[in-house]
């Protein structure tokens, strides 16, 4: 099955992880929330699938372009 990598477009702090590894997710579902400039920015799934892995934890600081999660379609 193909894998899709989810990366962040902004640097910031991980403030919420609304899904867990193994969860089914739909295209557009929020996978991670990054706090940047006092705003919570959602990072959405680009396709339907199952969350295969999370590469961040709550309160982690992430850089622009960093891998956050992998979806298996």
N, C-alpha and C. Protein backbone atom coordinates (compact mmCIF):
# COMPACT_ATOMS: atom_id res chain seq x y z
N UNK A 1 0.84 -1.18 0.00
CA UNK A 1 0.00 0.00 0.00
C UNK A 1 0.89 1.25 0.00
N UNK A 2 0.51 2.24 -0.77
CA UNK A 2 1.31 3.47 -0.82
C UNK A 2 1.25 4.24 0.49
N UNK A 3 2.33 4.94 0.78
CA UNK A 3 2.41 5.78 1.97
C UNK A 3 2.49 7.24 1.56
N UNK A 4 1.84 8.08 2.33
CA UNK A 4 1.88 9.52 2.10
C UNK A 4 2.46 10.17 3.34
N UNK A 5 3.49 10.98 3.16
CA UNK A 5 4.11 11.69 4.27
C UNK A 5 3.42 13.03 4.47
N UNK A 6 3.15 13.36 5.73
CA UNK A 6 2.54 14.64 6.08
C UNK A 6 3.62 15.49 6.74
N UNK A 7 3.85 16.67 6.18
CA UNK A 7 4.86 17.59 6.72
C UNK A 7 4.17 18.91 7.09
N UNK A 8 4.82 19.67 7.96
CA UNK A 8 4.27 20.96 8.35
C UNK A 8 4.79 22.07 7.44
N UNK A 9 3.93 23.04 7.21
CA UNK A 9 4.32 24.18 6.38
C UNK A 9 4.78 25.35 7.24
N UNK A 10 4.64 25.22 8.57
CA UNK A 10 5.04 26.29 9.48
C UNK A 10 5.87 25.71 10.63
N UNK A 11 6.72 26.54 11.17
CA UNK A 11 7.47 26.17 12.37
C UNK A 11 6.62 26.51 13.58
N UNK A 12 6.73 25.73 14.64
CA UNK A 12 5.97 26.01 15.85
C UNK A 12 6.04 24.86 16.83
N UNK A 13 5.03 24.79 17.69
CA UNK A 13 4.95 23.77 18.75
C UNK A 13 3.72 22.92 18.52
N UNK A 14 3.85 21.60 18.68
CA UNK A 14 2.70 20.70 18.54
C UNK A 14 1.80 20.91 19.75
N UNK A 15 0.55 21.34 19.49
CA UNK A 15 -0.35 21.64 20.61
C UNK A 15 -1.52 20.67 20.70
N UNK A 16 -1.75 19.85 19.67
CA UNK A 16 -2.82 18.86 19.73
C UNK A 16 -2.58 17.76 18.70
N UNK A 17 -2.93 16.53 19.10
CA UNK A 17 -2.85 15.37 18.23
C UNK A 17 -4.21 14.66 18.30
N UNK A 18 -5.16 15.07 17.46
CA UNK A 18 -6.53 14.55 17.57
C UNK A 18 -6.72 13.11 17.07
N UNK A 19 -5.71 12.50 16.48
CA UNK A 19 -5.82 11.12 16.00
C UNK A 19 -4.67 10.28 16.57
N UNK A 20 -4.86 8.98 16.55
CA UNK A 20 -3.85 8.06 17.06
C UNK A 20 -3.43 7.09 15.97
N UNK A 21 -2.26 6.50 16.13
CA UNK A 21 -1.78 5.50 15.17
C UNK A 21 -2.82 4.39 15.07
N UNK A 22 -3.13 4.01 13.83
CA UNK A 22 -4.12 2.97 13.57
C UNK A 22 -5.50 3.51 13.25
N UNK A 23 -5.74 4.79 13.52
CA UNK A 23 -7.04 5.40 13.23
C UNK A 23 -7.24 5.56 11.73
N UNK A 24 -8.46 5.36 11.28
CA UNK A 24 -8.83 5.67 9.91
C UNK A 24 -9.09 7.16 9.81
N UNK A 25 -8.59 7.79 8.75
CA UNK A 25 -8.80 9.22 8.57
C UNK A 25 -9.22 9.50 7.14
N UNK A 26 -9.96 10.57 6.98
CA UNK A 26 -10.42 10.96 5.66
C UNK A 26 -9.65 12.16 5.15
N UNK A 27 -9.71 12.35 3.86
CA UNK A 27 -9.05 13.51 3.25
C UNK A 27 -9.60 14.78 3.89
N UNK A 28 -8.71 15.65 4.33
CA UNK A 28 -9.12 16.90 4.95
C UNK A 28 -9.26 16.84 6.46
N UNK A 29 -9.21 15.63 7.04
CA UNK A 29 -9.27 15.51 8.50
C UNK A 29 -8.00 16.08 9.12
N UNK A 30 -8.15 16.74 10.26
CA UNK A 30 -6.99 17.30 10.97
C UNK A 30 -6.22 16.17 11.65
N UNK A 31 -4.90 16.15 11.42
CA UNK A 31 -4.03 15.13 11.98
C UNK A 31 -3.21 15.70 13.14
N UNK A 32 -2.75 16.94 12.98
CA UNK A 32 -1.90 17.60 13.96
C UNK A 32 -2.28 19.08 13.99
N UNK A 33 -2.12 19.71 15.16
CA UNK A 33 -2.27 21.16 15.26
C UNK A 33 -0.93 21.73 15.71
N UNK A 34 -0.45 22.74 14.97
CA UNK A 34 0.81 23.41 15.28
C UNK A 34 0.48 24.82 15.76
N UNK A 35 1.02 25.17 16.94
CA UNK A 35 0.84 26.52 17.45
C UNK A 35 1.98 27.39 16.95
N UNK A 36 1.62 28.45 16.24
CA UNK A 36 2.60 29.38 15.71
C UNK A 36 1.99 30.78 15.76
N UNK A 37 2.74 31.73 16.26
CA UNK A 37 2.29 33.12 16.36
C UNK A 37 0.95 33.22 17.09
N UNK A 38 0.79 32.45 18.17
CA UNK A 38 -0.41 32.45 19.02
C UNK A 38 -1.65 31.97 18.27
N UNK A 39 -1.46 31.21 17.21
CA UNK A 39 -2.57 30.63 16.46
C UNK A 39 -2.38 29.12 16.40
N UNK A 40 -3.48 28.38 16.40
CA UNK A 40 -3.43 26.93 16.22
C UNK A 40 -3.71 26.64 14.75
N UNK A 41 -2.71 26.10 14.08
CA UNK A 41 -2.80 25.86 12.64
C UNK A 41 -2.98 24.36 12.41
N UNK A 42 -4.11 23.96 11.80
CA UNK A 42 -4.33 22.53 11.56
C UNK A 42 -3.50 22.04 10.38
N UNK A 43 -3.04 20.81 10.49
CA UNK A 43 -2.37 20.13 9.38
C UNK A 43 -3.29 18.97 9.00
N UNK A 44 -3.84 19.03 7.79
CA UNK A 44 -4.86 18.07 7.36
C UNK A 44 -4.28 16.92 6.54
N UNK A 45 -5.00 15.82 6.55
CA UNK A 45 -4.62 14.65 5.75
C UNK A 45 -4.90 14.96 4.28
N UNK A 46 -3.93 14.68 3.40
CA UNK A 46 -4.14 14.94 1.97
C UNK A 46 -4.95 13.86 1.25
N UNK A 47 -5.21 12.74 1.94
CA UNK A 47 -5.93 11.63 1.31
C UNK A 47 -6.56 10.75 2.39
N UNK A 48 -7.50 9.90 1.99
CA UNK A 48 -8.07 8.91 2.90
C UNK A 48 -7.04 7.84 3.20
N UNK A 49 -7.10 7.28 4.40
CA UNK A 49 -6.19 6.19 4.73
C UNK A 49 -6.20 5.88 6.21
N UNK A 50 -5.14 5.20 6.63
CA UNK A 50 -4.94 4.83 8.03
C UNK A 50 -3.66 5.48 8.51
N UNK A 51 -3.70 6.06 9.71
CA UNK A 51 -2.51 6.69 10.25
C UNK A 51 -1.51 5.59 10.64
N UNK A 52 -0.42 5.52 9.89
CA UNK A 52 0.58 4.47 10.10
C UNK A 52 1.55 4.84 11.22
N UNK A 53 1.99 6.10 11.26
CA UNK A 53 2.94 6.51 12.30
C UNK A 53 2.86 8.01 12.54
N UNK A 54 3.16 8.38 13.79
CA UNK A 54 3.29 9.77 14.20
C UNK A 54 4.75 9.99 14.55
N UNK A 55 5.33 11.07 14.07
CA UNK A 55 6.75 11.34 14.29
C UNK A 55 6.97 12.51 15.24
N UNK A 56 5.89 12.95 15.89
CA UNK A 56 5.97 14.05 16.85
C UNK A 56 5.12 13.71 18.07
N UNK A 57 5.34 14.44 19.15
CA UNK A 57 4.55 14.31 20.38
C UNK A 57 4.10 15.69 20.82
N UNK A 58 3.15 15.74 21.73
CA UNK A 58 2.69 17.02 22.27
C UNK A 58 3.86 17.82 22.81
N UNK A 59 3.84 19.11 22.53
CA UNK A 59 4.84 20.09 22.97
C UNK A 59 6.17 20.00 22.23
N UNK A 60 6.31 19.11 21.25
CA UNK A 60 7.52 19.10 20.41
C UNK A 60 7.58 20.40 19.61
N UNK A 61 8.77 20.91 19.40
CA UNK A 61 8.97 22.07 18.54
C UNK A 61 9.38 21.53 17.17
N UNK A 62 8.69 22.00 16.13
CA UNK A 62 8.94 21.52 14.77
C UNK A 62 9.38 22.65 13.86
N UNK A 63 10.13 22.28 12.84
CA UNK A 63 10.61 23.23 11.84
C UNK A 63 9.75 23.10 10.58
N UNK A 64 9.73 24.14 9.78
CA UNK A 64 9.03 24.11 8.50
C UNK A 64 9.54 22.95 7.66
N UNK A 65 8.62 22.16 7.12
CA UNK A 65 9.00 21.04 6.27
C UNK A 65 9.29 19.74 7.02
N UNK A 66 9.14 19.75 8.34
CA UNK A 66 9.45 18.56 9.14
C UNK A 66 8.35 17.51 9.00
N UNK A 67 8.75 16.23 8.97
CA UNK A 67 7.81 15.11 8.89
C UNK A 67 7.02 15.02 10.19
N UNK A 68 5.68 14.96 10.06
CA UNK A 68 4.83 14.85 11.23
C UNK A 68 4.22 13.46 11.36
N UNK A 69 3.78 12.91 10.23
CA UNK A 69 3.07 11.63 10.27
C UNK A 69 3.12 10.96 8.90
N UNK A 70 2.75 9.68 8.88
CA UNK A 70 2.68 8.93 7.63
C UNK A 70 1.30 8.24 7.58
N UNK A 71 0.66 8.37 6.43
CA UNK A 71 -0.64 7.74 6.19
C UNK A 71 -0.44 6.60 5.18
N UNK A 72 -1.10 5.49 5.43
CA UNK A 72 -1.08 4.38 4.48
C UNK A 72 -2.43 4.38 3.77
N UNK A 73 -2.40 4.42 2.45
CA UNK A 73 -3.66 4.48 1.69
C UNK A 73 -4.02 3.13 1.12
